[in-house]
PDB file of N, CA and C in Angstrom:
ATOM      1  N   MET A   1     -11.861 -11.460   8.148  1.00  0.00           N
ATOM      2  CA  MET A   1     -13.111  -9.973   7.616  1.00  0.00           C
ATOM      3  C   MET A   1     -13.961 -10.939   5.952  1.00  0.00           C
ATOM      4  N   ASN A   2     -12.694 -11.862   5.259  1.00  0.00           N
ATOM      5  CA  ASN A   2     -13.279 -12.568   3.887  1.00  0.00           C
ATOM      6  C   ASN A   2     -14.276 -13.135   3.950  1.00  0.00           C
ATOM      7  N   GLU A   3     -14.252 -13.684   4.882  1.00  0.00           N
ATOM      8  CA  GLU A   3     -15.936 -14.682   5.122  1.00  0.00           C
ATOM      9  C   GLU A   3     -16.865 -14.068   5.658  1.00  0.00           C
ATOM     10  N   ARG A   4     -17.266 -12.605   5.885  1.00  0.00           N
ATOM     11  CA  ARG A   4     -18.014 -11.746   6.072  1.00  0.00           C
ATOM     12  C   ARG A   4     -18.152 -11.751   4.746  1.00  0.00           C
ATOM     13  N   PHE A   5     -16.818 -11.246   4.346  1.00  0.00           N
ATOM     14  CA  PHE A   5     -17.124 -10.376   2.360  1.00  0.00           C
ATOM     15  C   PHE A   5     -18.179 -11.005   1.615  1.00  0.00           C
ATOM     16  N   GLU A   6     -17.618 -12.836   1.700  1.00  0.00           N
ATOM     17  CA  GLU A   6     -18.125 -13.874   0.800  1.00  0.00           C
ATOM     18  C   GLU A   6     -19.815 -14.081   1.625  1.00  0.00           C
ATOM     19  N   THR A   7     -19.335 -13.982   2.491  1.00  0.00           N
ATOM     20  CA  THR A   7     -21.552 -14.454   2.969  1.00  0.00           C
ATOM     21  C   THR A   7     -22.023 -12.925   1.974  1.00  0.00           C
ATOM     22  N   LEU A   8     -21.289 -11.337   2.443  1.00  0.00           N
ATOM     23  CA  LEU A   8     -22.085 -10.237   1.716  1.00  0.00           C
ATOM     24  C   LEU A   8     -22.307 -10.397   0.198  1.00  0.00           C
ATOM     25  N   LEU A   9     -20.856 -11.179  -0.407  1.00  0.00           N
ATOM     26  CA  LEU A   9     -20.955 -11.135  -2.062  1.00  0.00           C
ATOM     27  C   LEU A   9     -22.266 -12.324  -1.966  1.00  0.00           C
ATOM     28  N   ALA A  10     -21.730 -13.097  -1.334  1.00  0.00           N
ATOM     29  CA  ALA A  10     -23.353 -14.619  -2.208  1.00  0.00           C
ATOM     30  C   ALA A  10     -24.538 -13.623  -2.105  1.00  0.00           C
ATOM     31  N   GLN A  11     -24.617 -13.131  -0.930  1.00  0.00           N
ATOM     32  CA  GLN A  11     -26.178 -11.955  -0.778  1.00  0.00           C
ATOM     33  C   GLN A  11     -26.372 -10.529  -1.543  1.00  0.00           C
ATOM     34  N   ALA A  12     -25.132 -10.062  -2.495  1.00  0.00           N
ATOM     35  CA  ALA A  12     -25.486  -8.961  -3.252  1.00  0.00           C
ATOM     36  C   ALA A  12     -25.568  -9.789  -4.493  1.00  0.00           C
ATOM     37  N   GLU A  13     -25.634 -10.767  -4.493  1.00  0.00           N
ATOM     38  CA  GLU A  13     -25.982 -11.579  -5.982  1.00  0.00           C
ATOM     39  C   GLU A  13     -27.250 -12.181  -6.101  1.00  0.00           C
ATOM     40  N   THR A  14     -28.552 -12.122  -4.743  1.00  0.00           N
ATOM     41  CA  THR A  14     -29.244 -12.627  -4.990  1.00  0.00           C
ATOM     42  C   THR A  14     -30.445 -11.221  -5.003  1.00  0.00           C
ATOM     43  N   GLY A  15     -32.037 -11.371  -5.516  1.00  0.00           N
ATOM     44  CA  GLY A  15     -32.806 -10.689  -5.588  1.00  0.00           C
ATOM     45  C   GLY A  15     -32.793  -9.607  -4.457  1.00  0.00           C
ATOM     46  N   GLY A  16     -32.203 -10.397  -3.295  1.00  0.00           N
ATOM     47  CA  GLY A  16     -32.894  -9.573  -1.755  1.00  0.00           C
ATOM     48  C   GLY A  16     -31.943  -8.696  -0.918  1.00  0.00           C
ATOM     49  N   GLY A  17     -30.455  -8.503  -2.206  1.00  0.00           N
ATOM     50  CA  GLY A  17     -28.958  -7.598  -1.725  1.00  0.00           C
ATOM     51  C   GLY A  17     -29.373  -8.110  -0.954  1.00  0.00           C
ATOM     52  N   THR A  18     -27.411  -7.656  -0.109  1.00  0.00           N
ATOM     53  CA  THR A  18     -27.070  -7.405   1.336  1.00  0.00           C
ATOM     54  C   THR A  18     -27.774  -7.102   2.581  1.00  0.00           C
ATOM     55  N   ASP A  19     -27.439  -7.586   3.586  1.00  0.00           N
ATOM     56  CA  ASP A  19     -27.430  -7.494   5.183  1.00  0.00           C
ATOM     57  C   ASP A  19     -27.663  -5.761   4.614  1.00  0.00           C
ATOM     58  N   TRP A  20     -28.354  -4.943   5.610  1.00  0.00           N
ATOM     59  CA  TRP A  20     -27.327  -3.442   6.228  1.00  0.00           C
ATOM     60  C   TRP A  20     -26.551  -3.191   5.989  1.00  0.00           C
ATOM     61  N   ILE A  21     -25.558  -2.754   5.929  1.00  0.00           N
ATOM     62  CA  ILE A  21     -24.173  -2.984   6.407  1.00  0.00           C
ATOM     63  C   ILE A  21     -23.722  -1.170   6.404  1.00  0.00           C
ATOM     64  N   SER A  22     -22.895  -1.294   7.424  1.00  0.00           N
ATOM     65  CA  SER A  22     -22.630   0.595   8.046  1.00  0.00           C
ATOM     66  C   SER A  22     -21.445   1.205   7.082  1.00  0.00           C
ATOM     67  N   GLU A  23     -21.215   2.445   6.787  1.00  0.00           N
ATOM     68  CA  GLU A  23     -20.229   3.599   5.802  1.00  0.00           C
ATOM     69  C   GLU A  23     -19.450   2.174   5.647  1.00  0.00           C
ATOM     70  N   ALA A  24     -19.031   2.060   7.097  1.00  0.00           N
ATOM     71  CA  ALA A  24     -17.415   1.586   7.347  1.00  0.00           C
ATOM     72  C   ALA A  24     -17.397   0.624   6.870  1.00  0.00           C
ATOM     73  N   GLU A  25     -17.851  -0.634   6.705  1.00  0.00           N
ATOM     74  CA  GLU A  25     -18.618  -2.034   5.720  1.00  0.00           C
ATOM     75  C   GLU A  25     -18.560  -1.759   5.057  1.00  0.00           C
ATOM     76  N   LEU A  26     -19.079  -0.784   4.361  1.00  0.00           N
ATOM     77  CA  LEU A  26     -19.419  -0.603   2.440  1.00  0.00           C
ATOM     78  C   LEU A  26     -18.443  -0.034   1.857  1.00  0.00           C
ATOM     79  N   LEU A  27     -17.574   0.696   2.650  1.00  0.00           N
ATOM     80  CA  LEU A  27     -16.014   0.352   2.214  1.00  0.00           C
ATOM     81  C   LEU A  27     -15.624   0.315   1.479  1.00  0.00           C
ATOM     82  N   SER A  28     -14.856  -0.932   2.766  1.00  0.00           N
ATOM     83  CA  SER A  28     -14.163  -1.813   3.060  1.00  0.00           C
ATOM     84  C   SER A  28     -14.952  -3.087   2.075  1.00  0.00           C
ATOM     85  N   PHE A  29     -16.027  -3.238   2.083  1.00  0.00           N
ATOM     86  CA  PHE A  29     -17.014  -4.917   0.900  1.00  0.00           C
ATOM     87  C   PHE A  29     -16.359  -3.996  -0.522  1.00  0.00           C
ATOM     88  N   ASN A  30     -16.595  -2.543  -0.584  1.00  0.00           N
ATOM     89  CA  ASN A  30     -16.355  -2.412  -2.236  1.00  0.00           C
ATOM     90  C   ASN A  30     -15.174  -2.465  -2.363  1.00  0.00           C
ATOM     91  N   VAL A  31     -13.988  -2.479  -2.021  1.00  0.00           N
ATOM     92  CA  VAL A  31     -12.995  -2.603  -1.921  1.00  0.00           C
ATOM     93  C   VAL A  31     -12.715  -4.244  -2.504  1.00  0.00           C
ATOM     94  N   TYR A  32     -13.285  -5.106  -1.183  1.00  0.00           N
ATOM     95  CA  TYR A  32     -13.758  -6.076  -2.333  1.00  0.00           C
ATOM     96  C   TYR A  32     -14.086  -6.637  -3.744  1.00  0.00           C
ATOM     97  N   LEU A  33     -14.921  -5.914  -3.604  1.00  0.00           N
ATOM     98  CA  LEU A  33     -15.572  -6.360  -4.227  1.00  0.00           C
ATOM     99  C   LEU A  33     -15.112  -6.159  -6.342  1.00  0.00           C
ATOM    100  N   ALA A  34     -15.018  -4.530  -5.842  1.00  0.00           N
ATOM    101  CA  ALA A  34     -13.597  -4.950  -7.132  1.00  0.00           C
ATOM    102  C   ALA A  34     -12.264  -5.216  -7.209  1.00  0.00           C
ATOM    103  N   SER A  35     -11.576  -5.722  -6.152  1.00  0.00           N
ATOM    104  CA  SER A  35     -10.549  -6.860  -6.205  1.00  0.00           C
ATOM    105  C   SER A  35     -11.030  -8.411  -6.934  1.00  0.00           C
ATOM    106  N   ARG A  36     -12.480  -9.069  -7.240  1.00  0.00           N
ATOM    107  CA  ARG A  36     -13.108  -9.563  -7.025  1.00  0.00           C
ATOM    108  C   ARG A  36     -13.721  -9.652  -8.591  1.00  0.00           C
ATOM    109  N   GLY A  37     -13.788  -8.917  -8.821  1.00  0.00           N
ATOM    110  CA  GLY A  37     -14.194  -8.001  -9.988  1.00  0.00           C
ATOM    111  C   GLY A  37     -15.251  -7.783 -10.802  1.00  0.00           C
ATOM    112  N   TYR A  38     -16.338  -7.567  -9.083  1.00  0.00           N
ATOM    113  CA  TYR A  38     -17.553  -7.433  -9.101  1.00  0.00           C
ATOM    114  C   TYR A  38     -17.832  -5.748  -9.184  1.00  0.00           C
ATOM    115  N   GLY A  39     -19.048  -4.421  -9.930  1.00  0.00           N
ATOM    116  CA  GLY A  39     -19.054  -3.675  -9.464  1.00  0.00           C
ATOM    117  C   GLY A  39     -20.699  -3.934  -8.901  1.00  0.00           C
ATOM    118  N   VAL A  40     -20.957  -2.592  -8.234  1.00  0.00           N
ATOM    119  CA  VAL A  40     -21.963  -2.264  -7.346  1.00  0.00           C
ATOM    120  C   VAL A  40     -23.632  -2.105  -8.726  1.00  0.00           C
ATOM    121  N   SER A  41     -24.226  -2.240  -8.842  1.00  0.00           N
ATOM    122  CA  SER A  41     -25.309  -2.451  -9.971  1.00  0.00           C
ATOM    123  C   SER A  41     -26.488  -2.117  -9.634  1.00  0.00           C
ATOM    124  N   ARG A  42     -26.471  -1.528  -7.475  1.00  0.00           N
ATOM    125  CA  ARG A  42     -27.720  -1.253  -7.273  1.00  0.00           C
ATOM    126  C   ARG A  42     -27.263  -0.941  -5.603  1.00  0.00           C
ATOM    127  N   MET A  43     -27.570   0.277  -5.321  1.00  0.00           N
ATOM    128  CA  MET A  43     -27.050   0.156  -4.009  1.00  0.00           C
ATOM    129  C   MET A  43     -27.784   1.597  -3.257  1.00  0.00           C
ATOM    130  N   GLU A  44     -29.167   1.016  -1.801  1.00  0.00           N
ATOM    131  CA  GLU A  44     -30.347   1.908  -1.721  1.00  0.00           C
ATOM    132  C   GLU A  44     -29.390   1.881   0.340  1.00  0.00           C
ATOM    133  N   VAL A  45     -30.077   3.036   0.338  1.00  0.00           N
ATOM    134  CA  VAL A  45     -29.011   3.973   0.986  1.00  0.00           C
ATOM    135  C   VAL A  45     -30.722   3.984   2.417  1.00  0.00           C
ATOM    136  N   ALA A  46     -30.687   4.089   4.062  1.00  0.00           N
ATOM    137  CA  ALA A  46     -30.796   4.206   4.938  1.00  0.00           C
ATOM    138  C   ALA A  46     -31.210   4.610   5.902  1.00  0.00           C
ATOM    139  N   ARG A  47     -31.396   5.470   6.654  1.00  0.00           N
ATOM    140  CA  ARG A  47     -30.889   5.682   7.917  1.00  0.00           C
ATOM    141  C   ARG A  47     -30.111   5.031   8.856  1.00  0.00           C
ATOM    142  N   ALA A  48     -29.161   6.271   9.174  1.00  0.00           N
ATOM    143  CA  ALA A  48     -28.140   4.519  10.086  1.00  0.00           C
ATOM    144  C   ALA A  48     -29.796   4.329  11.289  1.00  0.00           C
ATOM    145  N   GLY A  49     -29.115   2.523  11.258  1.00  0.00           N
ATOM    146  CA  GLY A  49     -30.046   2.285  12.948  1.00  0.00           C
ATOM    147  C   GLY A  49     -31.819   1.778  12.209  1.00  0.00           C
ATOM    148  N   THR A  50     -31.633   2.053  10.863  1.00  0.00           N
ATOM    149  CA  THR A  50     -33.055   1.961  10.485  1.00  0.00           C
ATOM    150  C   THR A  50     -33.540   0.263   9.957  1.00  0.00           C
ATOM    151  N   GLU A  51     -32.434  -0.078   9.720  1.00  0.00           N
ATOM    152  CA  GLU A  51     -32.694  -1.778   9.089  1.00  0.00           C
ATOM    153  C   GLU A  51     -33.337  -0.923   8.018  1.00  0.00           C
ATOM    154  N   GLY A  52     -33.091   0.356   7.279  1.00  0.00           N
ATOM    155  CA  GLY A  52     -34.364   0.175   5.766  1.00  0.00           C
ATOM    156  C   GLY A  52     -35.564   0.045   6.339  1.00  0.00           C
ATOM    157  N   ARG A  53     -35.788   0.438   7.205  1.00  0.00           N
ATOM    158  CA  ARG A  53     -37.724   1.164   7.200  1.00  0.00           C
ATOM    159  C   ARG A  53     -37.635   2.199   7.542  1.00  0.00           C
ATOM    160  N   GLN A  54     -37.949   2.565   6.070  1.00  0.00           N
ATOM    161  CA  GLN A  54     -37.867   3.996   6.533  1.00  0.00           C
ATOM    162  C   GLN A  54     -38.773   4.314   5.793  1.00  0.00           C
ATOM    163  N   SER A  55     -40.097   5.536   5.468  1.00  0.00           N
ATOM    164  CA  SER A  55     -40.324   5.624   4.617  1.00  0.00           C
ATOM    165  C   SER A  55     -40.650   7.169   4.361  1.00  0.00           C
ATOM    166  N   PRO A  56     -40.823   8.186   2.965  1.00  0.00           N
ATOM    167  CA  PRO A  56     -39.839   7.321   1.948  1.00  0.00           C
ATOM    168  C   PRO A  56     -38.770   6.605   2.185  1.00  0.00           C
ATOM    169  N   MET A  57     -38.467   6.056   0.885  1.00  0.00           N
ATOM    170  CA  MET A  57     -36.740   5.542   0.797  1.00  0.00           C
ATOM    171  C   MET A  57     -36.309   6.887   0.136  1.00  0.00           C
ATOM    172  N   ASP A  58     -34.658   7.037   0.557  1.00  0.00           N
ATOM    173  CA  ASP A  58     -33.899   8.167   0.222  1.00  0.00           C
ATOM    174  C   ASP A  58     -33.238   7.465  -1.133  1.00  0.00           C
ATOM    175  N   VAL A  59     -33.573   8.287  -2.658  1.00  0.00           N
ATOM    176  CA  VAL A  59     -32.577   7.363  -3.687  1.00  0.00           C
ATOM    177  C   VAL A  59     -31.799   8.731  -4.024  1.00  0.00           C
ATOM    178  N   THR A  60     -31.173   9.844  -2.906  1.00  0.00           N
ATOM    179  CA  THR A  60     -30.602  10.897  -4.049  1.00  0.00           C
ATOM    180  C   THR A  60     -29.426   9.749  -3.771  1.00  0.00           C
ATOM    181  N   TYR A  61     -28.703   8.445  -2.685  1.00  0.00           N
ATOM    182  CA  TYR A  61     -26.986   8.576  -3.026  1.00  0.00           C
ATOM    183  C   TYR A  61     -27.161   7.401  -3.008  1.00  0.00           C
ATOM    184  N   GLY A  62     -28.397   6.359  -3.587  1.00  0.00           N
ATOM    185  CA  GLY A  62     -28.191   5.452  -4.157  1.00  0.00           C
ATOM    186  C   GLY A  62     -27.964   5.593  -5.722  1.00  0.00           C
ATOM    187  N   ILE A  63     -27.648   3.961  -5.739  1.00  0.00           N
ATOM    188  CA  ILE A  63     -27.574   3.322  -7.588  1.00  0.00           C
ATOM    189  C   ILE A  63     -28.344   2.358  -7.979  1.00  0.00           C
ATOM    190  N   LEU A  64     -29.638   3.381  -9.053  1.00  0.00           N
ATOM    191  CA  LEU A  64     -30.287   2.883  -8.839  1.00  0.00           C
ATOM    192  C   LEU A  64     -29.971   2.222 -10.278  1.00  0.00           C
ATOM    193  N   PRO A  65     -30.991   0.609 -10.787  1.00  0.00           N
ATOM    194  CA  PRO A  65     -30.321  -0.021 -12.277  1.00  0.00           C
ATOM    195  C   PRO A  65     -31.162   1.085 -13.058  1.00  0.00           C
ATOM    196  N   ALA A  66     -31.610   1.621 -13.389  1.00  0.00           N
ATOM    197  CA  ALA A  66     -31.720   2.233 -14.606  1.00  0.00           C
ATOM    198  C   ALA A  66     -30.767   4.111 -14.475  1.00  0.00           C
ATOM    199  N   PRO A  67     -31.129   5.052 -16.029  1.00  0.00           N
ATOM    200  CA  PRO A  67     -30.575   6.218 -16.488  1.00  0.00           C
ATOM    201  C   PRO A  67     -31.879   6.708 -15.381  1.00  0.00           C
ATOM    202  N   ILE A  68     -30.767   8.084 -14.382  1.00  0.00           N
ATOM    203  CA  ILE A  68     -31.903   9.404 -13.719  1.00  0.00           C
ATOM    204  C   ILE A  68     -31.422  10.669 -14.343  1.00  0.00           C
ATOM    205  N   GLY A  69     -32.115  11.318 -14.523  1.00  0.00           N
ATOM    206  CA  GLY A  69     -31.898  12.708 -14.187  1.00  0.00           C
ATOM    207  C   GLY A  69     -30.239  13.104 -14.923  1.00  0.00           C
ATOM    208  N   ASP A  70     -29.469  13.952 -14.699  1.00  0.00           N
ATOM    209  CA  ASP A  70     -28.596  14.653 -15.855  1.00  0.00           C
ATOM    210  C   ASP A  70     -27.578  13.533 -15.557  1.00  0.00           C
ATOM    211  N   ASP A  71     -27.582  11.945 -14.712  1.00  0.00           N
ATOM    212  CA  ASP A  71     -26.221  11.530 -14.555  1.00  0.00           C
ATOM    213  C   ASP A  71     -27.428   9.738 -15.697  1.00  0.00           C
ATOM    214  N   PRO A  72     -27.444  10.133 -16.888  1.00  0.00           N
ATOM    215  CA  PRO A  72     -28.289   8.724 -17.089  1.00  0.00           C
ATOM    216  C   PRO A  72     -27.300   6.907 -17.277  1.00  0.00           C
ATOM    217  N   GLU A  73     -25.701   7.619 -17.586  1.00  0.00           N
ATOM    218  CA  GLU A  73     -24.954   6.277 -17.838  1.00  0.00           C
ATOM    219  C   GLU A  73     -24.327   5.910 -16.420  1.00  0.00           C
ATOM    220  N   HIS A  74     -25.087   6.633 -15.051  1.00  0.00           N
ATOM    221  CA  HIS A  74     -24.502   6.087 -13.575  1.00  0.00           C
ATOM    222  C   HIS A  74     -24.443   4.657 -13.153  1.00  0.00           C
ATOM    223  N   TRP A  75     -25.320   4.116 -14.227  1.00  0.00           N
ATOM    224  CA  TRP A  75     -25.827   2.961 -13.682  1.00  0.00           C
ATOM    225  C   TRP A  75     -25.457   1.925 -14.206  1.00  0.00           C
ATOM    226  N   LEU A  76     -24.120   1.991 -15.621  1.00  0.00           N
ATOM    227  CA  LEU A  76     -23.047   1.313 -16.390  1.00  0.00           C
ATOM    228  C   LEU A  76     -22.424   1.206 -15.502  1.00  0.00           C
ATOM    229  N   ASN A  77     -21.795   2.150 -14.815  1.00  0.00           N
ATOM    230  CA  ASN A  77     -20.713   1.846 -14.262  1.00  0.00           C
ATOM    231  C   ASN A  77     -20.449   0.566 -13.571  1.00  0.00           C
ATOM    232  N   HIS A  78     -21.071  -0.135 -12.890  1.00  0.00           N
ATOM    233  CA  HIS A  78     -20.720  -2.092 -12.801  1.00  0.00           C
ATOM    234  C   HIS A  78     -20.787  -2.424 -13.404  1.00  0.00           C
ATOM    235  N   PHE A  79     -20.177  -2.178 -14.930  1.00  0.00           N
ATOM    236  CA  PHE A  79     -20.105  -2.304 -15.975  1.00  0.00           C
ATOM    237  C   PHE A  79     -18.043  -2.771 -16.257  1.00  0.00           C
ATOM    238  N   ASP A  80     -17.491  -1.717 -15.487  1.00  0.00           N
ATOM    239  CA  ASP A  80     -16.388  -1.117 -14.869  1.00  0.00           C
ATOM    240  C   ASP A  80     -16.117  -1.689 -13.191  1.00  0.00           C
ATOM    241  N   PRO A  81     -15.599  -2.450 -12.486  1.00  0.00           N
ATOM    242  CA  PRO A  81     -15.668  -2.868 -11.286  1.00  0.00           C
ATOM    243  C   PRO A  81     -14.386  -1.406 -10.563  1.00  0.00           C
ATOM    244  N   GLN A  82     -13.892  -1.114 -11.326  1.00  0.00           N
ATOM    245  CA  GLN A  82     -12.785  -0.217 -10.306  1.00  0.00           C
ATOM    246  C   GLN A  82     -13.257   1.773 -10.803  1.00  0.00           C
ATOM    247  N   ARG A  83     -14.403   1.397 -11.810  1.00  0.00           N
ATOM    248  CA  ARG A  83     -15.790   2.463 -11.913  1.00  0.00           C
ATOM    249  C   ARG A  83     -16.973   2.605 -11.729  1.00  0.00           C
ATOM    250  N   SER A  84     -16.509   1.273 -11.437  1.00  0.00           N
ATOM    251  CA  SER A  84     -18.229   1.054 -10.136  1.00  0.00           C
ATOM    252  C   SER A  84     -17.924   1.443  -9.253  1.00  0.00           C
ATOM    253  N   ALA A  85     -16.293   1.022  -8.057  1.00  0.00           N
ATOM    254  CA  ALA A  85     -15.871   1.342  -6.597  1.00  0.00           C
ATOM    255  C   ALA A  85     -15.596   3.163  -5.991  1.00  0.00           C
ATOM    256  N   ALA A  86     -14.602   3.685  -7.336  1.00  0.00           N
ATOM    257  CA  ALA A  86     -14.661   4.982  -7.814  1.00  0.00           C
ATOM    258  C   ALA A  86     -16.726   6.312  -7.359  1.00  0.00           C
ATOM    259  N   TYR A  87     -17.187   5.352  -8.323  1.00  0.00           N
ATOM    260  CA  TYR A  87     -17.963   6.090  -7.668  1.00  0.00           C
ATOM    261  C   TYR A  87     -19.368   5.653  -6.717  1.00  0.00           C
ATOM    262  N   VAL A  88     -19.135   4.625  -6.024  1.00  0.00           N
ATOM    263  CA  VAL A  88     -19.800   3.916  -4.868  1.00  0.00           C
ATOM    264  C   VAL A  88     -18.781   4.927  -3.308  1.00  0.00           C
ATOM    265  N   ARG A  89     -17.981   5.436  -4.035  1.00  0.00           N
ATOM    266  CA  ARG A  89     -17.031   6.462  -2.879  1.00  0.00           C
ATOM    267  C   ARG A  89     -17.364   7.644  -3.247  1.00  0.00           C
ATOM    268  N   GLU A  90     -17.344   8.390  -4.093  1.00  0.00           N
ATOM    269  CA  GLU A  90     -17.858   9.194  -4.346  1.00  0.00           C
ATOM    270  C   GLU A  90     -19.201   9.071  -3.804  1.00  0.00           C
ATOM    271  N   THR A  91     -19.924   8.657  -4.428  1.00  0.00           N
ATOM    272  CA  THR A  91     -21.387   8.855  -3.505  1.00  0.00           C
ATOM    273  C   THR A  91     -21.885   8.755  -2.518  1.00  0.00           C
ATOM    274  N   VAL A  92     -20.745   8.160  -1.793  1.00  0.00           N
ATOM    275  CA  VAL A  92     -20.621   8.158   0.208  1.00  0.00           C
ATOM    276  C   VAL A  92     -20.226   8.828   0.237  1.00  0.00           C
ATOM    277  N   GLN A  93     -19.673   9.798  -0.081  1.00  0.00           N
ATOM    278  CA  GLN A  93     -18.709  10.871   0.166  1.00  0.00           C
ATOM    279  C   GLN A  93     -19.535  12.557   0.326  1.00  0.00           C
ATOM    280  N   PHE A  94     -20.611  12.370  -0.791  1.00  0.00           N
ATOM    281  CA  PHE A  94     -22.176  13.294  -1.315  1.00  0.00           C
ATOM    282  C   PHE A  94     -22.347  12.919   0.363  1.00  0.00           C
ATOM    283  N   ALA A  95     -22.880  12.018   0.246  1.00  0.00           N
ATOM    284  CA  ALA A  95     -23.593  11.531   1.583  1.00  0.00           C
ATOM    285  C   ALA A  95     -23.660  12.517   3.088  1.00  0.00           C
ATOM    286  N   LYS A  96     -21.638  12.142   3.074  1.00  0.00           N
ATOM    287  CA  LYS A  96     -20.959  12.783   3.761  1.00  0.00           C
ATOM    288  C   LYS A  96     -20.860  14.369   4.272  1.00  0.00           C
ATOM    289  N   GLU A  97     -20.481  14.297   2.873  1.00  0.00           N
ATOM    290  CA  GLU A  97     -20.420  16.251   3.175  1.00  0.00           C
ATOM    291  C   GLU A  97     -21.785  16.901   2.993  1.00  0.00           C
ATOM    292  N   ASP A  98     -23.182  16.178   3.213  1.00  0.00           N
ATOM    293  CA  ASP A  98     -24.269  16.639   3.115  1.00  0.00           C
ATOM    294  C   ASP A  98     -24.814  16.201   4.765  1.00  0.00           C
ATOM    295  N   GLY A  99     -24.199  15.994   5.868  1.00  0.00           N
ATOM    296  CA  GLY A  99     -24.248  15.321   6.827  1.00  0.00           C
ATOM    297  C   GLY A  99     -25.268  14.117   7.302  1.00  0.00           C
ATOM    298  N   ALA A 100     -25.255  13.643   6.071  1.00  0.00           N
ATOM    299  CA  ALA A 100     -26.234  12.481   5.828  1.00  0.00           C
ATOM    300  C   ALA A 100     -25.941  10.857   6.220  1.00  0.00           C
ATOM    301  N   VAL A 101     -26.298  10.543   7.496  1.00  0.00           N
ATOM    302  CA  VAL A 101     -25.449   9.041   7.851  1.00  0.00           C
ATOM    303  C   VAL A 101     -26.174   7.912   7.588  1.00  0.00           C
ATOM    304  N   PHE A 102     -25.634   6.978   6.440  1.00  0.00           N
ATOM    305  CA  PHE A 102     -26.151   5.839   6.261  1.00  0.00           C
ATOM    306  C   PHE A 102     -26.162   4.430   6.501  1.00  0.00           C
ATOM    307  N   ASP A 103     -26.873   3.718   6.130  1.00  0.00           N
ATOM    308  CA  ASP A 103     -27.013   2.349   6.258  1.00  0.00           C
ATOM    309  C   ASP A 103     -27.297   1.655   4.802  1.00  0.00           C
ATOM    310  N   TYR A 104     -26.798   0.938   3.985  1.00  0.00           N
ATOM    311  CA  TYR A 104     -26.900   0.503   2.799  1.00  0.00           C
ATOM    312  C   TYR A 104     -26.920  -0.829   2.526  1.00  0.00           C
ATOM    313  N   LYS A 105     -27.382  -1.400   1.320  1.00  0.00           N
ATOM    314  CA  LYS A 105     -28.258  -2.186   1.324  1.00  0.00           C
ATOM    315  C   LYS A 105     -27.200  -2.726  -0.297  1.00  0.00           C
ATOM    316  N   VAL A 106     -26.808  -3.464  -0.853  1.00  0.00           N
ATOM    317  CA  VAL A 106     -25.933  -3.316  -2.407  1.00  0.00           C
ATOM    318  C   VAL A 106     -26.764  -4.664  -2.649  1.00  0.00           C
ATOM    319  N   TRP A 107     -26.353  -4.252  -4.141  1.00  0.00           N
ATOM    320  CA  TRP A 107     -26.216  -5.512  -5.286  1.00  0.00           C
ATOM    321  C   TRP A 107     -25.398  -6.445  -5.633  1.00  0.00           C
ATOM    322  N   ALA A 108     -23.984  -6.854  -6.263  1.00  0.00           N
ATOM    323  CA  ALA A 108     -23.023  -6.186  -7.572  1.00  0.00           C
ATOM    324  C   ALA A 108     -23.461  -7.774  -8.532  1.00  0.00           C
ATOM    325  N   GLU A 109     -23.032  -7.416  -9.568  1.00  0.00           N
ATOM    326  CA  GLU A 109     -22.350  -8.646 -10.999  1.00  0.00           C
ATOM    327  C   GLU A 109     -22.125  -8.508 -10.360  1.00  0.00           C
ATOM    328  N   GLN A 110     -20.715  -9.367 -12.185  1.00  0.00           N
ATOM    329  CA  GLN A 110     -19.349  -9.573 -12.548  1.00  0.00           C
ATOM    330  C   GLN A 110     -20.340  -9.458 -13.642  1.00  0.00           C
ATOM    331  N   PRO A 111     -19.089  -8.265 -14.357  1.00  0.00           N
ATOM    332  CA  PRO A 111     -19.489  -7.906 -15.878  1.00  0.00           C
ATOM    333  C   PRO A 111     -19.405  -8.881 -16.721  1.00  0.00           C
TER     334      PRO A 111
END
């Protein structure tokens, strides 16, 4: 799995982000990122199996690189890898509780 995660990490540091990955792979990769000192700075979601081809994009369960609504500091979580990992887990859990099944694309950086 380390080789796969190294590939995803290299992608996550680019402007294009990672390949679209499943919820299960995201949660494992999230742990890997935190262990390497990375936080998720941006995350997009798309209905599972669509490979990101969905219109309009659903931003409800994503992480945007800017303040939003009643959680203006959510995007600052990536500066603390452990806080970021917890925030990603919470976001995925909220989606699951709402019955949403997504694939994810992430961007990550070290603080």
